[in-house]
Amino acid sequence: MKKTILVLMGGISEEKEISILSGRACVRALKKRKYKVKVLDPKGNFINEIRKIKPKIVFNALHGRFGEDGYIQSILDAEKIKYTHSGVLASSIAIDKEVSKKIFIKNKINTPKFFVYNFNNSLNIHTLIKKSKINFPVVIKPINEGSSIGVYICTKKNLNKNLK
């Protein structure tokens, strides 16, 4: 039997269900190749569970916040456990839409115009769009969610409804 691989799946993000599907597919593939596989849905004091399992490597099948934002990576780094996925810094940058856009712009990578809307902003969203010289339809998305959670293509009519 080969070394133990721990598959992290589930988690606390809105992408929990897709994470479970990804994790199950990973488990099937690893078992087919005769790896010893353990599965963990990280909740509560999951660090002690990881320590008990003593995995050779962690396959990170967590999606969205906690799984793709550098959080779980920082824990695994602190525990000196190897894992699949980008490291802490790359993960935290990639999940943050504003930081990513600024990096694209700085590196002359074409990207649509954007602005960050803060719900505490006293200006009306339609006014900000006009000032930014952005035309409808517009795409809105949370600044730090993964996949397409909270992504909407909006017209003038449905913009306010989709801003939650």
N, C-alpha and C. Protein backbone atom coordinates (compact mmCIF):
# COMPACT_ATOMS: atom_id res chain seq x y z
N MET A 1 0.86 -1.19 0.00
CA MET A 1 0.00 0.00 0.00
C MET A 1 0.89 1.24 0.00
N LYS A 2 0.52 2.20 -0.80
CA LYS A 2 1.27 3.44 -0.90
C LYS A 2 1.00 4.32 0.32
N LYS A 3 1.69 5.45 0.39
CA LYS A 3 1.53 6.41 1.49
C LYS A 3 0.11 6.96 1.56
N THR A 4 -0.25 7.47 2.74
CA THR A 4 -1.58 8.03 2.96
C THR A 4 -1.74 9.40 2.33
N ILE A 5 -2.83 9.55 1.59
CA ILE A 5 -3.21 10.85 1.04
C ILE A 5 -4.51 11.25 1.71
N LEU A 6 -4.53 12.44 2.26
CA LEU A 6 -5.73 12.97 2.90
C LEU A 6 -6.44 13.88 1.91
N VAL A 7 -7.72 13.62 1.68
CA VAL A 7 -8.52 14.46 0.80
C VAL A 7 -9.40 15.35 1.67
N LEU A 8 -9.19 16.65 1.58
CA LEU A 8 -10.04 17.61 2.28
C LEU A 8 -11.17 18.00 1.34
N MET A 9 -12.41 17.86 1.83
CA MET A 9 -13.56 18.22 0.99
C MET A 9 -14.72 18.64 1.87
N GLY A 10 -15.65 19.36 1.27
CA GLY A 10 -16.79 19.87 2.04
C GLY A 10 -16.51 21.30 2.43
N GLY A 11 -16.19 21.49 3.69
CA GLY A 11 -15.85 22.82 4.17
C GLY A 11 -17.05 23.68 4.49
N ILE A 12 -16.80 24.99 4.60
CA ILE A 12 -17.84 25.91 5.08
C ILE A 12 -18.29 26.92 4.04
N SER A 13 -17.73 26.86 2.84
CA SER A 13 -18.11 27.86 1.84
C SER A 13 -19.43 27.49 1.17
N GLU A 14 -19.94 28.42 0.39
CA GLU A 14 -21.17 28.17 -0.36
C GLU A 14 -20.94 27.12 -1.44
N GLU A 15 -19.71 26.76 -1.66
CA GLU A 15 -19.36 25.78 -2.68
C GLU A 15 -19.15 24.38 -2.10
N LYS A 16 -19.69 24.15 -0.93
CA LYS A 16 -19.51 22.87 -0.23
C LYS A 16 -19.90 21.68 -1.10
N GLU A 17 -21.06 21.74 -1.74
CA GLU A 17 -21.55 20.60 -2.52
C GLU A 17 -20.63 20.26 -3.68
N ILE A 18 -20.14 21.26 -4.40
CA ILE A 18 -19.23 21.00 -5.52
C ILE A 18 -17.89 20.47 -4.99
N SER A 19 -17.49 20.93 -3.82
CA SER A 19 -16.27 20.43 -3.19
C SER A 19 -16.40 18.94 -2.88
N ILE A 20 -17.56 18.54 -2.39
CA ILE A 20 -17.79 17.12 -2.08
C ILE A 20 -17.72 16.29 -3.36
N LEU A 21 -18.33 16.78 -4.43
CA LEU A 21 -18.26 16.06 -5.72
C LEU A 21 -16.82 15.94 -6.20
N SER A 22 -16.06 17.03 -6.12
CA SER A 22 -14.65 17.01 -6.52
C SER A 22 -13.86 16.03 -5.66
N GLY A 23 -14.10 16.10 -4.36
CA GLY A 23 -13.40 15.23 -3.43
C GLY A 23 -13.68 13.76 -3.67
N ARG A 24 -14.94 13.42 -3.91
CA ARG A 24 -15.30 12.02 -4.19
C ARG A 24 -14.63 11.51 -5.46
N ALA A 25 -14.59 12.35 -6.48
CA ALA A 25 -13.92 11.95 -7.73
C ALA A 25 -12.43 11.70 -7.48
N CYS A 26 -11.82 12.54 -6.68
CA CYS A 26 -10.42 12.39 -6.33
C CYS A 26 -10.18 11.09 -5.57
N VAL A 27 -11.04 10.82 -4.59
CA VAL A 27 -10.93 9.60 -3.78
C VAL A 27 -11.00 8.37 -4.68
N ARG A 28 -11.98 8.34 -5.59
CA ARG A 28 -12.12 7.20 -6.50
C ARG A 28 -10.85 7.00 -7.33
N ALA A 29 -10.34 8.09 -7.88
CA ALA A 29 -9.14 8.00 -8.72
C ALA A 29 -7.93 7.52 -7.92
N LEU A 30 -7.76 8.02 -6.72
CA LEU A 30 -6.62 7.62 -5.89
C LEU A 30 -6.72 6.17 -5.46
N LYS A 31 -7.92 5.74 -5.06
CA LYS A 31 -8.10 4.34 -4.63
C LYS A 31 -7.87 3.39 -5.80
N LYS A 32 -8.29 3.79 -6.97
CA LYS A 32 -8.08 2.98 -8.18
C LYS A 32 -6.59 2.75 -8.40
N ARG A 33 -5.78 3.72 -7.99
CA ARG A 33 -4.33 3.62 -8.15
C ARG A 33 -3.66 3.07 -6.88
N LYS A 34 -4.48 2.50 -6.00
CA LYS A 34 -4.02 1.78 -4.80
C LYS A 34 -3.39 2.67 -3.73
N TYR A 35 -3.75 3.94 -3.70
CA TYR A 35 -3.29 4.79 -2.60
C TYR A 35 -4.17 4.56 -1.38
N LYS A 36 -3.58 4.73 -0.22
CA LYS A 36 -4.35 4.71 1.02
C LYS A 36 -4.94 6.11 1.17
N VAL A 37 -6.26 6.20 1.20
CA VAL A 37 -6.93 7.51 1.18
C VAL A 37 -7.75 7.70 2.44
N LYS A 38 -7.60 8.85 3.04
CA LYS A 38 -8.45 9.29 4.15
C LYS A 38 -9.19 10.53 3.69
N VAL A 39 -10.38 10.74 4.23
CA VAL A 39 -11.21 11.89 3.86
C VAL A 39 -11.51 12.69 5.12
N LEU A 40 -11.49 14.01 4.99
CA LEU A 40 -11.81 14.87 6.12
C LEU A 40 -12.58 16.10 5.64
N ASP A 41 -13.70 16.34 6.30
CA ASP A 41 -14.44 17.59 6.11
C ASP A 41 -14.02 18.47 7.27
N PRO A 42 -13.15 19.46 7.02
CA PRO A 42 -12.57 20.22 8.12
C PRO A 42 -13.57 21.09 8.87
N LYS A 43 -13.87 20.66 10.07
CA LYS A 43 -14.77 21.42 10.95
C LYS A 43 -14.15 21.39 12.35
N GLY A 44 -14.51 22.35 13.15
CA GLY A 44 -14.03 22.37 14.53
C GLY A 44 -12.52 22.28 14.60
N ASN A 45 -12.03 21.41 15.45
CA ASN A 45 -10.59 21.27 15.65
C ASN A 45 -10.03 20.23 14.67
N PHE A 46 -10.12 20.52 13.41
CA PHE A 46 -9.69 19.57 12.38
C PHE A 46 -8.18 19.40 12.33
N ILE A 47 -7.44 20.35 12.87
CA ILE A 47 -5.97 20.25 12.83
C ILE A 47 -5.51 19.01 13.59
N ASN A 48 -6.14 18.74 14.73
CA ASN A 48 -5.79 17.52 15.48
C ASN A 48 -6.11 16.27 14.67
N GLU A 49 -7.20 16.30 13.90
CA GLU A 49 -7.54 15.16 13.04
C GLU A 49 -6.46 14.95 11.98
N ILE A 50 -6.01 16.04 11.39
CA ILE A 50 -4.95 15.94 10.38
C ILE A 50 -3.69 15.37 11.01
N ARG A 51 -3.35 15.83 12.20
CA ARG A 51 -2.15 15.33 12.89
C ARG A 51 -2.25 13.83 13.15
N LYS A 52 -3.45 13.37 13.55
CA LYS A 52 -3.65 11.93 13.81
C LYS A 52 -3.48 11.10 12.53
N ILE A 53 -3.98 11.62 11.43
CA ILE A 53 -3.91 10.89 10.16
C ILE A 53 -2.48 10.82 9.63
N LYS A 54 -1.69 11.85 9.88
CA LYS A 54 -0.29 11.93 9.42
C LYS A 54 -0.17 11.67 7.91
N PRO A 55 -0.84 12.47 7.11
CA PRO A 55 -0.79 12.22 5.67
C PRO A 55 0.57 12.55 5.05
N LYS A 56 0.90 11.84 4.00
CA LYS A 56 2.11 12.16 3.23
C LYS A 56 1.86 13.46 2.46
N ILE A 57 0.62 13.61 1.99
CA ILE A 57 0.22 14.81 1.25
C ILE A 57 -1.29 15.01 1.42
N VAL A 58 -1.72 16.24 1.33
CA VAL A 58 -3.15 16.57 1.40
C VAL A 58 -3.59 17.00 0.00
N PHE A 59 -4.67 16.36 -0.47
CA PHE A 59 -5.29 16.81 -1.71
C PHE A 59 -6.39 17.78 -1.30
N ASN A 60 -6.23 19.04 -1.67
CA ASN A 60 -7.18 20.07 -1.29
C ASN A 60 -8.30 20.14 -2.32
N ALA A 61 -9.45 19.54 -1.99
CA ALA A 61 -10.63 19.61 -2.86
C ALA A 61 -11.63 20.63 -2.33
N LEU A 62 -11.20 21.46 -1.40
CA LEU A 62 -12.07 22.51 -0.86
C LEU A 62 -12.19 23.62 -1.90
N HIS A 63 -13.37 24.19 -2.00
CA HIS A 63 -13.61 25.26 -2.96
C HIS A 63 -13.95 26.55 -2.23
N GLY A 64 -13.70 27.69 -2.87
CA GLY A 64 -14.11 28.98 -2.32
C GLY A 64 -13.35 29.37 -1.07
N ARG A 65 -14.04 30.14 -0.24
CA ARG A 65 -13.43 30.59 1.02
C ARG A 65 -13.00 29.40 1.84
N PHE A 66 -11.88 29.57 2.50
CA PHE A 66 -11.30 28.57 3.38
C PHE A 66 -10.49 27.54 2.60
N GLY A 67 -10.89 27.24 1.37
CA GLY A 67 -10.17 26.24 0.59
C GLY A 67 -9.27 26.81 -0.49
N GLU A 68 -9.70 27.92 -1.09
CA GLU A 68 -8.94 28.50 -2.20
C GLU A 68 -8.38 29.87 -1.87
N ASP A 69 -8.56 30.33 -0.66
CA ASP A 69 -8.17 31.71 -0.31
C ASP A 69 -6.88 31.82 0.49
N GLY A 70 -6.18 30.73 0.67
CA GLY A 70 -4.93 30.75 1.41
C GLY A 70 -5.05 30.31 2.86
N TYR A 71 -6.28 30.21 3.36
CA TYR A 71 -6.48 29.86 4.77
C TYR A 71 -5.99 28.44 5.06
N ILE A 72 -6.55 27.46 4.36
CA ILE A 72 -6.15 26.08 4.63
C ILE A 72 -4.68 25.87 4.28
N GLN A 73 -4.22 26.56 3.24
CA GLN A 73 -2.82 26.46 2.86
C GLN A 73 -1.90 26.95 3.97
N SER A 74 -2.29 28.03 4.65
CA SER A 74 -1.46 28.56 5.74
C SER A 74 -1.39 27.57 6.90
N ILE A 75 -2.49 26.89 7.17
CA ILE A 75 -2.50 25.88 8.24
C ILE A 75 -1.59 24.72 7.87
N LEU A 76 -1.73 24.24 6.65
CA LEU A 76 -0.89 23.11 6.21
C LEU A 76 0.58 23.51 6.17
N ASP A 77 0.88 24.72 5.74
CA ASP A 77 2.27 25.21 5.77
C ASP A 77 2.80 25.22 7.20
N ALA A 78 2.00 25.72 8.13
CA ALA A 78 2.42 25.79 9.54
C ALA A 78 2.69 24.39 10.10
N GLU A 79 1.92 23.41 9.62
CA GLU A 79 2.09 22.02 10.07
C GLU A 79 3.15 21.27 9.25
N LYS A 80 3.73 21.97 8.27
CA LYS A 80 4.75 21.38 7.38
C LYS A 80 4.22 20.14 6.65
N ILE A 81 2.98 20.26 6.17
CA ILE A 81 2.34 19.18 5.42
C ILE A 81 2.24 19.60 3.96
N LYS A 82 2.71 18.75 3.07
CA LYS A 82 2.63 19.03 1.63
C LYS A 82 1.17 18.96 1.18
N TYR A 83 0.84 19.74 0.16
CA TYR A 83 -0.54 19.76 -0.34
C TYR A 83 -0.57 20.12 -1.81
N THR A 84 -1.69 19.77 -2.42
CA THR A 84 -1.94 20.19 -3.80
C THR A 84 -2.61 21.55 -3.73
N HIS A 85 -2.36 22.37 -4.67
CA HIS A 85 -3.00 23.69 -4.77
C HIS A 85 -1.90 24.74 -4.75
N SER A 86 -2.27 25.93 -5.08
CA SER A 86 -1.33 27.05 -4.99
C SER A 86 -1.01 27.32 -3.53
N GLY A 87 0.07 28.04 -3.30
CA GLY A 87 0.45 28.40 -1.94
C GLY A 87 -0.41 29.50 -1.37
N VAL A 88 -0.07 29.94 -0.18
CA VAL A 88 -0.85 30.93 0.55
C VAL A 88 -0.99 32.23 -0.23
N LEU A 89 0.11 32.82 -0.64
CA LEU A 89 0.06 34.12 -1.30
C LEU A 89 -0.68 34.06 -2.63
N ALA A 90 -0.33 33.09 -3.47
CA ALA A 90 -1.01 32.98 -4.77
C ALA A 90 -2.50 32.76 -4.60
N SER A 91 -2.88 31.95 -3.62
CA SER A 91 -4.30 31.67 -3.38
C SER A 91 -5.04 32.92 -2.91
N SER A 92 -4.43 33.64 -1.98
CA SER A 92 -5.11 34.83 -1.45
C SER A 92 -5.22 35.93 -2.51
N ILE A 93 -4.24 36.03 -3.38
CA ILE A 93 -4.32 37.01 -4.47
C ILE A 93 -5.38 36.59 -5.49
N ALA A 94 -5.36 35.32 -5.87
CA ALA A 94 -6.27 34.85 -6.92
C ALA A 94 -7.74 34.96 -6.52
N ILE A 95 -8.06 34.75 -5.25
CA ILE A 95 -9.46 34.81 -4.83
C ILE A 95 -9.95 36.25 -4.70
N ASP A 96 -9.03 37.20 -4.56
CA ASP A 96 -9.41 38.61 -4.39
C ASP A 96 -9.50 39.28 -5.75
N LYS A 97 -10.73 39.55 -6.19
CA LYS A 97 -10.95 40.10 -7.53
C LYS A 97 -10.27 41.46 -7.72
N GLU A 98 -10.30 42.30 -6.71
CA GLU A 98 -9.70 43.63 -6.84
C GLU A 98 -8.18 43.54 -7.00
N VAL A 99 -7.54 42.77 -6.15
CA VAL A 99 -6.09 42.62 -6.24
C VAL A 99 -5.70 42.00 -7.58
N SER A 100 -6.44 40.97 -7.99
CA SER A 100 -6.16 40.32 -9.28
C SER A 100 -6.26 41.31 -10.43
N LYS A 101 -7.33 42.11 -10.45
CA LYS A 101 -7.51 43.09 -11.52
C LYS A 101 -6.35 44.09 -11.55
N LYS A 102 -5.93 44.55 -10.38
CA LYS A 102 -4.82 45.51 -10.32
C LYS A 102 -3.52 44.90 -10.86
N ILE A 103 -3.31 43.63 -10.58
CA ILE A 103 -2.12 42.94 -11.10
C ILE A 103 -2.22 42.81 -12.62
N PHE A 104 -3.41 42.48 -13.13
CA PHE A 104 -3.59 42.40 -14.58
C PHE A 104 -3.26 43.73 -15.24
N ILE A 105 -3.80 44.80 -14.68
CA ILE A 105 -3.59 46.14 -15.24
C ILE A 105 -2.11 46.51 -15.21
N LYS A 106 -1.47 46.29 -14.07
CA LYS A 106 -0.04 46.62 -13.93
C LYS A 106 0.81 45.86 -14.95
N ASN A 107 0.38 44.65 -15.28
CA ASN A 107 1.13 43.82 -16.22
C ASN A 107 0.61 43.91 -17.66
N LYS A 108 -0.22 44.94 -17.89
CA LYS A 108 -0.76 45.22 -19.22
C LYS A 108 -1.53 44.03 -19.82
N ILE A 109 -2.25 43.33 -18.96
CA ILE A 109 -3.13 42.25 -19.40
C ILE A 109 -4.52 42.85 -19.58
N ASN A 110 -5.08 42.71 -20.77
CA ASN A 110 -6.40 43.29 -21.02
C ASN A 110 -7.43 42.73 -20.05
N THR A 111 -8.18 43.64 -19.48
CA THR A 111 -9.23 43.27 -18.53
C THR A 111 -10.30 44.35 -18.59
N PRO A 112 -11.56 43.98 -18.46
CA PRO A 112 -12.62 45.01 -18.52
C PRO A 112 -12.47 46.05 -17.41
N LYS A 113 -13.01 47.24 -17.67
CA LYS A 113 -13.03 48.29 -16.64
C LYS A 113 -13.77 47.74 -15.43
N PHE A 114 -13.40 48.28 -14.27
CA PHE A 114 -14.06 47.82 -13.04
C PHE A 114 -13.98 48.89 -11.98
N PHE A 115 -14.80 48.72 -10.98
CA PHE A 115 -14.64 49.45 -9.73
C PHE A 115 -15.19 48.56 -8.63
N VAL A 116 -14.76 48.84 -7.42
CA VAL A 116 -15.24 48.08 -6.26
C VAL A 116 -16.35 48.87 -5.62
N TYR A 117 -17.48 48.23 -5.48
CA TYR A 117 -18.63 48.88 -4.86
C TYR A 117 -18.71 48.48 -3.40
N ASN A 118 -18.71 49.47 -2.55
CA ASN A 118 -18.85 49.25 -1.11
C ASN A 118 -20.28 49.61 -0.74
N PHE A 119 -20.98 48.71 -0.08
CA PHE A 119 -22.38 48.96 0.27
C PHE A 119 -22.56 50.15 1.20
N ASN A 120 -21.48 50.59 1.83
CA ASN A 120 -21.55 51.78 2.69
C ASN A 120 -21.37 53.07 1.89
N ASN A 121 -21.10 52.94 0.61
CA ASN A 121 -20.88 54.10 -0.26
C ASN A 121 -22.17 54.91 -0.36
N SER A 122 -22.06 56.19 -0.19
CA SER A 122 -23.25 57.05 -0.24
C SER A 122 -23.73 57.29 -1.67
N LEU A 123 -22.87 57.03 -2.66
CA LEU A 123 -23.27 57.23 -4.05
C LEU A 123 -24.10 56.05 -4.55
N ASN A 124 -25.07 56.35 -5.35
CA ASN A 124 -25.91 55.35 -5.98
C ASN A 124 -25.06 54.52 -6.95
N ILE A 125 -25.32 53.23 -7.02
CA ILE A 125 -24.55 52.34 -7.90
C ILE A 125 -24.63 52.79 -9.36
N HIS A 126 -25.79 53.25 -9.79
CA HIS A 126 -25.94 53.71 -11.17
C HIS A 126 -25.06 54.93 -11.45
N THR A 127 -24.93 55.80 -10.46
CA THR A 127 -24.07 56.98 -10.59
C THR A 127 -22.61 56.55 -10.72
N LEU A 128 -22.20 55.58 -9.91
CA LEU A 128 -20.82 55.09 -9.96
C LEU A 128 -20.51 54.44 -11.31
N ILE A 129 -21.46 53.70 -11.83
CA ILE A 129 -21.25 53.06 -13.14
C ILE A 129 -21.07 54.12 -14.21
N LYS A 130 -21.91 55.13 -14.15
CA LYS A 130 -21.83 56.22 -15.13
C LYS A 130 -20.47 56.94 -15.02
N LYS A 131 -20.06 57.27 -13.78
CA LYS A 131 -18.77 57.95 -13.55
C LYS A 131 -17.59 57.11 -14.05
N SER A 132 -17.73 55.80 -13.93
CA SER A 132 -16.65 54.89 -14.34
C SER A 132 -16.63 54.64 -15.84
N LYS A 133 -17.63 55.20 -16.53
CA LYS A 133 -17.74 55.03 -17.99
C LYS A 133 -17.82 53.56 -18.37
N ILE A 134 -18.60 52.83 -17.59
CA ILE A 134 -18.85 51.42 -17.87
C ILE A 134 -20.26 51.32 -18.46
N ASN A 135 -20.39 50.56 -19.53
CA ASN A 135 -21.68 50.42 -20.19
C ASN A 135 -22.40 49.15 -19.74
N PHE A 136 -23.71 49.21 -19.77
CA PHE A 136 -24.53 48.03 -19.49
C PHE A 136 -24.54 47.13 -20.72
N PRO A 137 -24.68 45.83 -20.50
CA PRO A 137 -24.81 45.14 -19.23
C PRO A 137 -23.48 45.12 -18.48
N VAL A 138 -23.57 44.99 -17.15
CA VAL A 138 -22.39 44.92 -16.30
C VAL A 138 -22.37 43.57 -15.59
N VAL A 139 -21.19 43.16 -15.21
CA VAL A 139 -21.04 41.92 -14.44
C VAL A 139 -20.74 42.32 -13.01
N ILE A 140 -21.50 41.76 -12.07
CA ILE A 140 -21.20 42.00 -10.66
C ILE A 140 -20.82 40.67 -10.03
N LYS A 141 -19.90 40.74 -9.09
CA LYS A 141 -19.46 39.53 -8.40
C LYS A 141 -18.87 39.90 -7.06
N PRO A 142 -19.01 39.01 -6.09
CA PRO A 142 -18.38 39.26 -4.78
C PRO A 142 -16.87 39.33 -4.95
N ILE A 143 -16.24 40.09 -4.10
CA ILE A 143 -14.81 40.31 -4.24
C ILE A 143 -13.99 39.06 -3.92
N ASN A 144 -14.54 38.16 -3.08
CA ASN A 144 -13.71 37.02 -2.66
C ASN A 144 -14.45 35.69 -2.59
N GLU A 145 -15.29 35.41 -3.55
CA GLU A 145 -15.91 34.08 -3.65
C GLU A 145 -15.27 33.36 -4.82
N GLY A 146 -15.37 32.05 -4.81
CA GLY A 146 -14.85 31.26 -5.92
C GLY A 146 -15.96 30.91 -6.90
N SER A 147 -15.59 30.22 -7.95
CA SER A 147 -16.52 29.79 -9.01
C SER A 147 -17.39 30.94 -9.47
N SER A 148 -18.66 30.69 -9.64
CA SER A 148 -19.56 31.74 -10.11
C SER A 148 -20.57 32.12 -9.04
N ILE A 149 -20.24 31.86 -7.77
CA ILE A 149 -21.12 32.22 -6.66
C ILE A 149 -21.31 33.73 -6.66
N GLY A 150 -22.56 34.16 -6.72
CA GLY A 150 -22.89 35.58 -6.64
C GLY A 150 -22.58 36.39 -7.89
N VAL A 151 -22.30 35.73 -9.01
CA VAL A 151 -22.00 36.45 -10.25
C VAL A 151 -23.29 36.66 -11.03
N TYR A 152 -23.51 37.90 -11.45
CA TYR A 152 -24.70 38.24 -12.23
C TYR A 152 -24.31 39.15 -13.39
N ILE A 153 -24.96 38.94 -14.52
CA ILE A 153 -24.86 39.88 -15.64
C ILE A 153 -26.11 40.74 -15.54
N CYS A 154 -25.91 42.04 -15.35
CA CYS A 154 -27.02 42.93 -15.00
C CYS A 154 -27.28 44.00 -16.06
N THR A 155 -28.55 44.28 -16.21
CA THR A 155 -29.00 45.42 -17.00
C THR A 155 -29.34 46.53 -16.02
N LYS A 156 -29.68 47.70 -16.54
CA LYS A 156 -30.10 48.80 -15.65
C LYS A 156 -31.29 48.36 -14.80
N LYS A 157 -32.18 47.57 -15.40
CA LYS A 157 -33.41 47.16 -14.71
C LYS A 157 -33.16 46.23 -13.53
N ASN A 158 -32.29 45.24 -13.71
CA ASN A 158 -32.16 44.23 -12.66
C ASN A 158 -30.92 44.39 -11.77
N LEU A 159 -30.17 45.46 -11.95
CA LEU A 159 -28.95 45.66 -11.16
C LEU A 159 -29.22 45.71 -9.66
N ASN A 160 -30.13 46.56 -9.24
CA ASN A 160 -30.40 46.71 -7.80
C ASN A 160 -30.89 45.41 -7.18
N LYS A 161 -31.70 44.66 -7.92
CA LYS A 161 -32.21 43.38 -7.41
C LYS A 161 -31.07 42.39 -7.18
N ASN A 162 -30.07 42.40 -8.06
CA ASN A 162 -28.97 41.44 -7.96
C ASN A 162 -27.88 41.85 -6.99
N LEU A 163 -27.87 43.10 -6.57
CA LEU A 163 -26.91 43.54 -5.55
C LEU A 163 -27.44 43.11 -4.19
N LYS A 164 -26.80 42.18 -3.60
CA LYS A 164 -27.27 41.67 -2.30
C LYS A 164 -26.20 41.81 -1.26
